[in-house]
N, C-alpha and C. Protein backbone atom coordinates (compact mmCIF):
# COMPACT_ATOMS: atom_id res chain seq x y z
N MET A 1 0.85 -1.16 0.00
CA MET A 1 0.00 0.00 0.00
C MET A 1 0.90 1.23 0.00
N SER A 2 0.53 2.17 -0.83
CA SER A 2 1.32 3.40 -0.91
C SER A 2 0.42 4.59 -0.63
N ILE A 3 1.05 5.64 -0.16
CA ILE A 3 0.32 6.87 0.13
C ILE A 3 0.63 7.84 -1.00
N GLY A 4 -0.42 8.44 -1.49
CA GLY A 4 -0.25 9.36 -2.61
C GLY A 4 0.24 10.72 -2.15
N PRO A 5 0.36 11.66 -3.10
CA PRO A 5 0.84 12.98 -2.74
C PRO A 5 -0.16 13.72 -1.86
N VAL A 6 0.36 14.62 -1.05
CA VAL A 6 -0.48 15.42 -0.17
C VAL A 6 -1.14 16.51 -1.00
N GLU A 7 -2.44 16.60 -0.89
CA GLU A 7 -3.16 17.61 -1.64
C GLU A 7 -3.30 18.86 -0.80
N PRO A 8 -3.20 20.00 -1.44
CA PRO A 8 -3.34 21.24 -0.68
C PRO A 8 -4.75 21.41 -0.17
N HIS A 9 -4.87 22.02 0.98
CA HIS A 9 -6.19 22.28 1.58
C HIS A 9 -6.82 23.46 0.86
N ARG A 10 -8.02 23.30 0.46
CA ARG A 10 -8.68 24.34 -0.32
C ARG A 10 -9.52 25.25 0.55
N GLY A 11 -9.80 24.89 1.79
CA GLY A 11 -10.60 25.75 2.64
C GLY A 11 -12.09 25.52 2.43
N PRO A 12 -12.92 26.33 3.07
CA PRO A 12 -14.37 26.16 2.94
C PRO A 12 -14.82 26.59 1.54
N PRO A 13 -16.01 26.15 1.15
CA PRO A 13 -16.51 26.53 -0.17
C PRO A 13 -16.63 28.04 -0.27
N GLY A 14 -16.25 28.59 -1.36
CA GLY A 14 -16.33 30.02 -1.61
C GLY A 14 -15.08 30.77 -1.24
N ALA A 15 -14.13 30.12 -0.61
CA ALA A 15 -12.89 30.81 -0.24
C ALA A 15 -11.94 30.80 -1.43
N ARG A 16 -11.20 31.87 -1.59
CA ARG A 16 -10.22 31.92 -2.67
C ARG A 16 -9.01 31.08 -2.30
N GLU A 17 -8.35 30.62 -3.32
CA GLU A 17 -7.16 29.80 -3.11
C GLU A 17 -6.05 30.67 -2.55
N GLY A 18 -5.31 30.13 -1.53
CA GLY A 18 -4.21 30.85 -0.94
C GLY A 18 -4.59 31.66 0.29
N THR A 19 -5.87 31.74 0.65
CA THR A 19 -6.27 32.47 1.85
C THR A 19 -6.23 31.53 3.03
N THR A 20 -5.94 32.08 4.19
CA THR A 20 -5.90 31.30 5.43
C THR A 20 -7.21 31.49 6.15
N VAL A 21 -7.73 30.40 6.61
CA VAL A 21 -9.01 30.44 7.31
C VAL A 21 -8.75 30.08 8.77
N GLU A 22 -9.19 30.92 9.70
CA GLU A 22 -9.05 30.69 11.14
C GLU A 22 -10.29 29.96 11.61
N VAL A 23 -10.10 28.85 12.31
CA VAL A 23 -11.24 28.13 12.86
C VAL A 23 -11.45 28.67 14.26
N SER A 24 -12.63 29.10 14.58
CA SER A 24 -12.93 29.65 15.90
C SER A 24 -14.23 29.08 16.40
N GLY A 25 -14.55 29.40 17.64
CA GLY A 25 -15.80 28.94 18.21
C GLY A 25 -15.56 27.87 19.25
N PRO A 26 -16.63 27.29 19.76
CA PRO A 26 -16.52 26.33 20.87
C PRO A 26 -15.82 25.04 20.49
N ASN A 27 -15.75 24.68 19.23
CA ASN A 27 -15.15 23.41 18.84
C ASN A 27 -13.64 23.48 18.76
N ARG A 28 -13.07 24.65 18.85
CA ARG A 28 -11.63 24.80 18.70
C ARG A 28 -10.86 24.00 19.77
N ARG A 29 -11.27 24.03 21.03
CA ARG A 29 -10.57 23.34 22.11
C ARG A 29 -11.27 22.05 22.53
N GLY A 30 -12.27 21.70 21.94
CA GLY A 30 -13.01 20.50 22.32
C GLY A 30 -14.02 20.80 23.40
N ARG A 31 -14.62 19.76 23.92
CA ARG A 31 -15.70 19.93 24.87
C ARG A 31 -15.25 20.57 26.19
N HIS A 32 -14.07 20.16 26.70
CA HIS A 32 -13.56 20.69 27.98
C HIS A 32 -12.34 21.56 27.76
N GLY A 33 -12.16 22.08 26.62
CA GLY A 33 -10.96 22.79 26.24
C GLY A 33 -10.65 24.01 27.06
N ARG A 34 -11.62 24.77 27.46
CA ARG A 34 -11.31 26.00 28.16
C ARG A 34 -10.78 25.74 29.59
N TRP A 35 -10.92 24.53 30.12
CA TRP A 35 -10.40 24.22 31.46
C TRP A 35 -9.03 23.57 31.41
N ARG A 36 -8.68 22.96 30.32
CA ARG A 36 -7.43 22.21 30.24
C ARG A 36 -6.21 23.10 30.43
N GLU A 37 -6.17 24.19 29.76
CA GLU A 37 -4.99 25.05 29.80
C GLU A 37 -4.74 25.63 31.19
N PRO A 38 -5.73 26.23 31.85
CA PRO A 38 -5.46 26.75 33.21
C PRO A 38 -5.12 25.64 34.21
N LEU A 39 -5.75 24.48 34.09
CA LEU A 39 -5.43 23.38 35.00
C LEU A 39 -4.01 22.89 34.79
N GLY A 40 -3.58 22.84 33.56
CA GLY A 40 -2.21 22.43 33.27
C GLY A 40 -1.20 23.40 33.86
N VAL A 41 -1.47 24.68 33.72
CA VAL A 41 -0.57 25.70 34.27
C VAL A 41 -0.55 25.59 35.80
N ALA A 42 -1.71 25.39 36.41
CA ALA A 42 -1.78 25.27 37.87
C ALA A 42 -1.04 24.02 38.36
N ALA A 43 -1.14 22.92 37.63
CA ALA A 43 -0.45 21.69 38.03
C ALA A 43 1.06 21.86 37.95
N VAL A 44 1.54 22.50 36.92
CA VAL A 44 2.98 22.73 36.78
C VAL A 44 3.47 23.67 37.89
N ALA A 45 2.71 24.73 38.19
CA ALA A 45 3.10 25.66 39.25
C ALA A 45 3.14 24.95 40.61
N ALA A 46 2.14 24.11 40.88
CA ALA A 46 2.11 23.38 42.15
C ALA A 46 3.30 22.43 42.26
N ALA A 47 3.64 21.76 41.18
CA ALA A 47 4.78 20.85 41.20
C ALA A 47 6.08 21.60 41.45
N LEU A 48 6.21 22.78 40.86
CA LEU A 48 7.43 23.57 41.06
C LEU A 48 7.55 24.09 42.49
N VAL A 49 6.43 24.43 43.10
CA VAL A 49 6.47 24.96 44.47
C VAL A 49 6.56 23.84 45.50
N LEU A 50 5.73 22.81 45.37
CA LEU A 50 5.66 21.76 46.39
C LEU A 50 6.72 20.67 46.22
N GLY A 51 7.24 20.49 45.02
CA GLY A 51 8.23 19.44 44.78
C GLY A 51 9.42 19.53 45.70
N PRO A 52 10.11 20.68 45.77
CA PRO A 52 11.27 20.76 46.68
C PRO A 52 10.90 20.56 48.15
N LEU A 53 9.71 21.01 48.55
CA LEU A 53 9.30 20.82 49.94
C LEU A 53 9.11 19.35 50.27
N LEU A 54 8.51 18.60 49.34
CA LEU A 54 8.31 17.17 49.57
C LEU A 54 9.64 16.43 49.55
N LEU A 55 10.54 16.81 48.69
CA LEU A 55 11.85 16.16 48.63
C LEU A 55 12.69 16.47 49.87
N TYR A 56 12.50 17.63 50.49
CA TYR A 56 13.26 18.00 51.68
C TYR A 56 13.03 17.00 52.81
N ASP A 57 11.80 16.51 52.97
CA ASP A 57 11.51 15.54 54.01
C ASP A 57 12.15 14.19 53.73
N LEU A 58 12.45 13.89 52.48
CA LEU A 58 13.02 12.60 52.14
C LEU A 58 14.54 12.58 52.28
N LEU A 59 15.16 13.75 52.35
CA LEU A 59 16.62 13.82 52.46
C LEU A 59 17.06 13.40 53.86
N PRO A 60 18.21 12.74 53.98
CA PRO A 60 18.69 12.36 55.32
C PRO A 60 19.06 13.60 56.13
N ASP A 61 18.90 13.47 57.44
CA ASP A 61 19.23 14.57 58.35
C ASP A 61 20.74 14.84 58.26
N PRO A 62 21.15 16.08 57.98
CA PRO A 62 22.59 16.34 57.82
C PRO A 62 23.37 16.11 59.12
N ASP A 63 22.78 16.36 60.26
CA ASP A 63 23.44 16.14 61.55
C ASP A 63 22.58 15.20 62.39
N PRO A 64 22.73 13.87 62.21
CA PRO A 64 21.90 12.96 63.00
C PRO A 64 22.21 13.12 64.48
N PRO A 65 21.20 12.93 65.34
CA PRO A 65 21.44 13.09 66.77
C PRO A 65 22.41 12.01 67.28
N PRO A 66 23.17 12.31 68.31
CA PRO A 66 24.12 11.32 68.85
C PRO A 66 23.39 10.18 69.54
N TYR A 67 24.08 9.05 69.62
CA TYR A 67 23.51 7.92 70.35
C TYR A 67 23.39 8.29 71.83
N PRO A 68 22.37 7.75 72.52
CA PRO A 68 22.16 8.17 73.91
C PRO A 68 23.17 7.61 74.90
N GLY A 69 23.80 6.48 74.60
CA GLY A 69 24.71 5.84 75.55
C GLY A 69 25.89 6.68 75.99
N PRO A 70 26.70 7.22 75.07
CA PRO A 70 27.87 7.98 75.50
C PRO A 70 27.54 9.29 76.22
N LEU A 71 26.33 9.79 76.06
CA LEU A 71 25.96 11.06 76.67
C LEU A 71 25.27 10.90 78.02
N THR A 72 24.92 9.68 78.38
CA THR A 72 24.17 9.42 79.61
C THR A 72 25.08 8.76 80.64
N HIS A 73 25.03 9.28 81.87
CA HIS A 73 25.88 8.76 82.94
C HIS A 73 25.02 8.38 84.14
N LEU A 74 25.35 7.25 84.76
CA LEU A 74 24.71 6.83 86.00
C LEU A 74 25.74 6.89 87.11
N VAL A 75 25.35 7.48 88.22
CA VAL A 75 26.24 7.61 89.38
C VAL A 75 25.54 6.98 90.58
N TYR A 76 26.27 6.16 91.31
CA TYR A 76 25.73 5.52 92.50
C TYR A 76 25.80 6.49 93.67
N ASP A 77 24.67 6.67 94.39
CA ASP A 77 24.61 7.61 95.51
C ASP A 77 24.59 6.94 96.88
N GLY A 78 24.36 5.63 96.94
CA GLY A 78 24.36 4.94 98.23
C GLY A 78 23.06 4.20 98.48
N PRO A 79 23.01 3.45 99.60
CA PRO A 79 21.80 2.71 99.93
C PRO A 79 20.66 3.65 100.34
N ASP A 80 19.45 3.20 100.14
CA ASP A 80 18.26 3.97 100.51
C ASP A 80 17.55 3.21 101.63
N GLY A 81 18.13 3.24 102.80
CA GLY A 81 17.57 2.54 103.96
C GLY A 81 18.12 1.14 104.10
N PRO A 82 17.78 0.48 105.22
CA PRO A 82 18.30 -0.88 105.46
C PRO A 82 17.52 -1.92 104.63
N PRO A 83 18.11 -3.09 104.41
CA PRO A 83 17.40 -4.17 103.70
C PRO A 83 16.16 -4.62 104.47
N ASP A 84 15.15 -5.10 103.74
CA ASP A 84 13.91 -5.59 104.33
C ASP A 84 13.90 -7.12 104.24
N PRO A 85 14.20 -7.82 105.37
CA PRO A 85 14.28 -9.28 105.33
C PRO A 85 12.95 -9.96 105.01
N ALA A 86 11.85 -9.38 105.43
CA ALA A 86 10.55 -10.01 105.17
C ALA A 86 10.24 -10.05 103.67
N ALA A 87 10.53 -8.98 102.98
CA ALA A 87 10.26 -8.92 101.53
C ALA A 87 11.46 -9.34 100.71
N ARG A 88 12.62 -9.56 101.38
CA ARG A 88 13.89 -9.88 100.69
C ARG A 88 14.22 -8.83 99.64
N THR A 89 14.10 -7.55 100.06
CA THR A 89 14.39 -6.43 99.16
C THR A 89 15.35 -5.45 99.82
N PHE A 90 16.00 -4.67 99.00
CA PHE A 90 16.80 -3.54 99.45
C PHE A 90 16.76 -2.47 98.36
N ALA A 91 17.10 -1.25 98.73
CA ALA A 91 17.00 -0.13 97.78
C ALA A 91 18.32 0.62 97.69
N LEU A 92 18.65 1.06 96.48
CA LEU A 92 19.88 1.79 96.20
C LEU A 92 19.56 3.04 95.39
N ARG A 93 20.20 4.16 95.73
CA ARG A 93 19.93 5.42 95.03
C ARG A 93 20.96 5.65 93.92
N ILE A 94 20.47 6.15 92.77
CA ILE A 94 21.35 6.51 91.67
C ILE A 94 20.92 7.87 91.11
N THR A 95 21.82 8.50 90.37
CA THR A 95 21.52 9.75 89.67
C THR A 95 21.85 9.55 88.20
N ILE A 96 20.93 9.96 87.33
CA ILE A 96 21.11 9.85 85.88
C ILE A 96 21.34 11.26 85.34
N THR A 97 22.38 11.43 84.53
CA THR A 97 22.73 12.74 83.96
C THR A 97 22.90 12.59 82.44
N VAL A 98 22.44 13.59 81.69
CA VAL A 98 22.64 13.63 80.23
C VAL A 98 23.49 14.85 79.92
N ASP A 99 24.61 14.63 79.22
CA ASP A 99 25.56 15.72 78.93
C ASP A 99 25.05 16.70 77.89
N ALA A 100 24.54 16.21 76.77
CA ALA A 100 24.17 17.08 75.65
C ALA A 100 23.20 16.33 74.74
N GLY A 101 22.75 17.04 73.69
CA GLY A 101 21.90 16.40 72.69
C GLY A 101 20.44 16.41 73.06
N PRO A 102 19.64 15.64 72.31
CA PRO A 102 18.20 15.60 72.58
C PRO A 102 17.92 14.87 73.90
N PRO A 103 16.71 15.04 74.45
CA PRO A 103 16.36 14.34 75.70
C PRO A 103 16.52 12.82 75.54
N VAL A 104 16.90 12.17 76.64
CA VAL A 104 17.08 10.72 76.66
C VAL A 104 16.00 10.12 77.56
N THR A 105 15.32 9.12 77.03
CA THR A 105 14.30 8.40 77.81
C THR A 105 14.90 7.11 78.32
N LEU A 106 14.81 6.92 79.62
CA LEU A 106 15.27 5.70 80.25
C LEU A 106 14.09 4.74 80.25
N GLU A 107 14.18 3.71 79.41
CA GLU A 107 13.07 2.76 79.22
C GLU A 107 13.01 1.70 80.32
N SER A 108 14.17 1.19 80.73
CA SER A 108 14.18 0.15 81.77
C SER A 108 15.58 0.03 82.37
N ILE A 109 15.63 -0.50 83.59
CA ILE A 109 16.89 -0.83 84.26
C ILE A 109 16.74 -2.24 84.80
N ALA A 110 17.76 -3.06 84.56
CA ALA A 110 17.70 -4.45 85.03
C ALA A 110 19.07 -4.89 85.53
N GLN A 111 19.05 -5.84 86.47
CA GLN A 111 20.28 -6.50 86.91
C GLN A 111 20.52 -7.65 85.94
N PRO A 112 21.74 -7.86 85.49
CA PRO A 112 21.98 -8.98 84.59
C PRO A 112 21.94 -10.34 85.30
N HIS A 113 21.97 -10.33 86.63
CA HIS A 113 21.95 -11.59 87.38
C HIS A 113 20.51 -12.09 87.51
N ARG A 114 20.27 -13.36 87.16
CA ARG A 114 18.90 -13.91 87.16
C ARG A 114 18.28 -13.99 88.54
N ALA A 115 19.07 -14.09 89.59
CA ALA A 115 18.54 -14.23 90.95
C ALA A 115 18.05 -12.91 91.52
N LEU A 116 18.34 -11.79 90.83
CA LEU A 116 17.92 -10.46 91.31
C LEU A 116 16.90 -9.86 90.35
N GLU A 117 15.85 -9.31 90.93
CA GLU A 117 14.83 -8.60 90.14
C GLU A 117 14.89 -7.12 90.53
N THR A 118 14.93 -6.24 89.53
CA THR A 118 15.11 -4.81 89.80
C THR A 118 13.90 -4.01 89.36
N GLY A 119 13.46 -3.14 90.25
CA GLY A 119 12.42 -2.16 89.92
C GLY A 119 13.00 -0.76 90.09
N VAL A 120 12.30 0.24 89.57
CA VAL A 120 12.81 1.62 89.62
C VAL A 120 11.69 2.54 90.08
N ARG A 121 12.06 3.46 91.00
CA ARG A 121 11.15 4.56 91.38
C ARG A 121 11.80 5.86 90.98
N PRO A 122 11.26 6.74 90.24
CA PRO A 122 9.93 6.66 89.65
C PRO A 122 9.91 5.58 88.57
N GLY A 123 8.72 5.11 88.27
CA GLY A 123 8.59 4.05 87.27
C GLY A 123 9.10 4.45 85.91
N THR A 124 9.59 3.49 85.18
CA THR A 124 10.06 3.75 83.82
C THR A 124 8.90 3.62 82.85
N PRO A 125 8.93 4.28 81.74
CA PRO A 125 9.99 5.15 81.24
C PRO A 125 9.89 6.56 81.82
N PHE A 126 11.05 7.22 81.92
CA PHE A 126 11.09 8.64 82.26
C PHE A 126 12.21 9.29 81.45
N THR A 127 12.10 10.60 81.27
CA THR A 127 13.01 11.33 80.37
C THR A 127 13.89 12.29 81.15
N VAL A 128 15.15 12.37 80.71
CA VAL A 128 16.12 13.31 81.29
C VAL A 128 16.61 14.21 80.16
N ARG A 129 16.52 15.50 80.38
CA ARG A 129 16.95 16.47 79.36
C ARG A 129 18.45 16.76 79.50
N ALA A 130 19.03 17.31 78.45
CA ALA A 130 20.46 17.63 78.45
C ALA A 130 20.79 18.63 79.55
N HIS A 131 21.95 18.46 80.17
CA HIS A 131 22.46 19.32 81.24
C HIS A 131 21.58 19.27 82.50
N ARG A 132 20.83 18.21 82.64
CA ARG A 132 19.97 17.99 83.82
C ARG A 132 20.32 16.64 84.43
N HIS A 133 19.86 16.43 85.65
CA HIS A 133 20.02 15.13 86.28
C HIS A 133 18.70 14.73 86.91
N ARG A 134 18.57 13.44 87.14
CA ARG A 134 17.35 12.91 87.74
C ARG A 134 17.73 11.80 88.70
N SER A 135 17.17 11.86 89.88
CA SER A 135 17.44 10.83 90.89
C SER A 135 16.42 9.71 90.74
N ALA A 136 16.88 8.50 91.05
CA ALA A 136 16.00 7.34 91.00
C ALA A 136 16.43 6.38 92.11
N VAL A 137 15.51 5.51 92.50
CA VAL A 137 15.81 4.51 93.52
C VAL A 137 15.59 3.13 92.89
N LEU A 138 16.63 2.31 92.95
CA LEU A 138 16.53 0.92 92.48
C LEU A 138 16.04 0.06 93.64
N THR A 139 14.97 -0.66 93.42
CA THR A 139 14.48 -1.60 94.42
C THR A 139 14.84 -3.00 93.92
N VAL A 140 15.69 -3.67 94.67
CA VAL A 140 16.18 -4.98 94.25
C VAL A 140 15.56 -6.05 95.14
N ARG A 141 14.95 -7.04 94.50
CA ARG A 141 14.35 -8.17 95.22
C ARG A 141 15.14 -9.42 94.89
N ILE A 142 15.45 -10.19 95.93
CA ILE A 142 16.18 -11.44 95.74
C ILE A 142 15.18 -12.55 95.46
N ARG A 143 15.28 -13.15 94.29
CA ARG A 143 14.38 -14.26 93.92
C ARG A 143 14.80 -15.55 94.62
N THR A 144 16.09 -15.85 94.55
CA THR A 144 16.61 -17.05 95.18
C THR A 144 18.04 -16.79 95.66
N CYS A 145 18.35 -17.29 96.82
CA CYS A 145 19.69 -17.08 97.38
C CYS A 145 20.71 -18.06 96.83
N SER A 146 20.25 -19.20 96.35
CA SER A 146 21.19 -20.25 95.94
C SER A 146 22.03 -19.87 94.73
N ASP A 147 21.54 -18.99 93.87
CA ASP A 147 22.28 -18.62 92.65
C ASP A 147 23.14 -17.37 92.80
N LEU A 148 23.18 -16.79 93.99
CA LEU A 148 23.90 -15.53 94.17
C LEU A 148 25.35 -15.76 94.59
N PRO A 149 26.26 -14.93 94.07
CA PRO A 149 27.65 -15.03 94.55
C PRO A 149 27.77 -14.43 95.95
N LYS A 150 28.84 -14.79 96.66
CA LYS A 150 29.05 -14.24 98.00
C LYS A 150 29.49 -12.79 97.93
N ARG A 151 30.17 -12.46 96.86
CA ARG A 151 30.67 -11.09 96.71
C ARG A 151 30.52 -10.67 95.25
N PHE A 152 30.01 -9.47 95.05
CA PHE A 152 29.87 -8.93 93.69
C PHE A 152 31.11 -8.10 93.35
N GLU A 153 31.63 -8.32 92.15
CA GLU A 153 32.75 -7.52 91.65
C GLU A 153 32.39 -7.03 90.26
N GLN A 154 32.58 -5.75 90.05
CA GLN A 154 32.25 -5.10 88.78
C GLN A 154 30.80 -5.40 88.36
N ALA A 155 29.91 -5.32 89.33
CA ALA A 155 28.49 -5.53 89.04
C ALA A 155 28.00 -4.41 88.12
N SER A 156 27.10 -4.74 87.25
CA SER A 156 26.62 -3.73 86.31
C SER A 156 25.10 -3.72 86.26
N LEU A 157 24.57 -2.68 85.65
CA LEU A 157 23.14 -2.56 85.38
C LEU A 157 22.95 -2.48 83.88
N ASP A 158 21.96 -3.18 83.37
CA ASP A 158 21.61 -3.08 81.95
C ASP A 158 20.51 -2.03 81.83
N VAL A 159 20.81 -0.94 81.14
CA VAL A 159 19.90 0.20 81.04
C VAL A 159 19.50 0.37 79.58
N THR A 160 18.20 0.39 79.32
CA THR A 160 17.69 0.63 77.97
C THR A 160 17.42 2.12 77.82
N LEU A 161 18.13 2.74 76.86
CA LEU A 161 18.03 4.18 76.62
C LEU A 161 17.49 4.44 75.22
N ARG A 162 16.74 5.54 75.09
CA ARG A 162 16.20 5.91 73.78
C ARG A 162 16.24 7.42 73.65
N ASN A 163 16.63 7.90 72.47
CA ASN A 163 16.48 9.31 72.14
C ASN A 163 16.01 9.40 70.70
N LYS A 164 16.04 10.60 70.14
CA LYS A 164 15.54 10.80 68.78
C LYS A 164 16.32 9.97 67.76
N GLY A 165 17.57 9.66 68.03
CA GLY A 165 18.41 8.97 67.06
C GLY A 165 18.45 7.46 67.17
N ALA A 166 18.30 6.90 68.37
CA ALA A 166 18.48 5.46 68.51
C ALA A 166 17.90 4.96 69.83
N MET A 167 17.80 3.65 69.91
CA MET A 167 17.43 2.97 71.16
C MET A 167 18.46 1.87 71.36
N LEU A 168 19.03 1.80 72.57
CA LEU A 168 20.06 0.80 72.81
C LEU A 168 20.06 0.37 74.27
N ILE A 169 20.69 -0.77 74.52
CA ILE A 169 20.89 -1.28 75.88
C ILE A 169 22.35 -1.06 76.22
N GLN A 170 22.58 -0.32 77.29
CA GLN A 170 23.94 0.05 77.72
C GLN A 170 24.19 -0.58 79.09
N ALA A 171 25.34 -1.19 79.27
CA ALA A 171 25.74 -1.74 80.57
C ALA A 171 26.54 -0.68 81.32
N TYR A 172 26.13 -0.39 82.55
CA TYR A 172 26.82 0.59 83.39
C TYR A 172 27.38 -0.10 84.62
N SER A 173 28.67 0.06 84.86
CA SER A 173 29.31 -0.40 86.07
C SER A 173 29.39 0.81 87.00
N LEU A 174 28.86 0.70 88.19
CA LEU A 174 28.73 1.85 89.08
C LEU A 174 29.85 1.97 90.11
N GLY A 175 30.87 1.12 90.03
CA GLY A 175 32.03 1.31 90.88
C GLY A 175 32.11 0.39 92.09
N ASP A 176 33.21 0.53 92.82
CA ASP A 176 33.49 -0.33 93.97
C ASP A 176 32.50 -0.14 95.11
N ARG A 177 32.08 1.09 95.35
CA ARG A 177 31.12 1.35 96.44
C ARG A 177 29.79 0.65 96.17
N TYR A 178 29.35 0.67 94.93
CA TYR A 178 28.11 -0.04 94.54
C TYR A 178 28.29 -1.54 94.75
N ASP A 179 29.44 -2.08 94.31
CA ASP A 179 29.70 -3.51 94.49
C ASP A 179 29.67 -3.89 95.97
N ALA A 180 30.29 -3.08 96.83
CA ALA A 180 30.35 -3.38 98.27
C ALA A 180 28.96 -3.32 98.90
N ASP A 181 28.17 -2.28 98.56
CA ASP A 181 26.82 -2.16 99.13
C ASP A 181 25.90 -3.26 98.63
N LEU A 182 26.03 -3.64 97.37
CA LEU A 182 25.22 -4.74 96.82
C LEU A 182 25.58 -6.05 97.52
N SER A 183 26.86 -6.30 97.70
CA SER A 183 27.31 -7.53 98.40
C SER A 183 26.84 -7.54 99.84
N ARG A 184 26.94 -6.39 100.53
CA ARG A 184 26.51 -6.29 101.93
C ARG A 184 25.01 -6.57 102.06
N ALA A 185 24.20 -6.01 101.18
CA ALA A 185 22.74 -6.21 101.24
C ALA A 185 22.38 -7.67 100.94
N VAL A 186 23.05 -8.27 99.98
CA VAL A 186 22.76 -9.68 99.65
C VAL A 186 23.15 -10.58 100.82
N ARG A 187 24.31 -10.32 101.45
CA ARG A 187 24.72 -11.13 102.62
C ARG A 187 23.75 -10.98 103.79
N ALA A 188 23.18 -9.76 103.95
CA ALA A 188 22.24 -9.55 105.05
C ALA A 188 20.94 -10.32 104.82
N LEU A 189 20.53 -10.47 103.57
CA LEU A 189 19.26 -11.16 103.26
C LEU A 189 19.45 -12.64 102.96
N CYS A 190 20.65 -13.04 102.61
CA CYS A 190 20.95 -14.44 102.30
C CYS A 190 22.21 -14.86 103.07
N PRO A 191 22.09 -15.06 104.38
CA PRO A 191 23.28 -15.46 105.14
C PRO A 191 23.74 -16.85 104.71
N THR A 192 25.03 -17.02 104.63
CA THR A 192 25.58 -18.32 104.24
C THR A 192 25.61 -19.23 105.45
N PRO A 193 25.39 -20.53 105.26
CA PRO A 193 25.39 -21.46 106.41
C PRO A 193 26.76 -21.69 106.99
């Protein structure tokens, strides 16, 4: 199949050859023609204005917040009263400090030893802001005496910390005084035969 030569357009009947005829009226843009052009311009303008704003949220944060562990410090303050033999519990005071960065939420504190169960007053979770400190009391309950060592050395607490950047479990060793007071309280509640 072949296509023949293109014939010149002659225009409407009665028009002279070589004249240009302008088509006007409602059929020029079609049925919805008068709305297409302004909507197209509005869509392009919206894309130009909103596009960078939407992309800004997808970009990574140029300065991600620091991890909460290195900025958070626990300090042992001493026992909080004598051990309670009836409940097999004792209490120890600590202070939590955050050096810098966004607020740090302390989600939980636990003893890594299975024979000890640890609670915290005030209850967790609680938040500590930068350059502030917060006091807390650890309430330790002895589940069983048979699994406990006679003396604790380098005892630690497993602390779950969370801030805007991360959530992690950090082990804190509170020093020789903490080890001695923990050992003394355990010996008072679990005397050896």
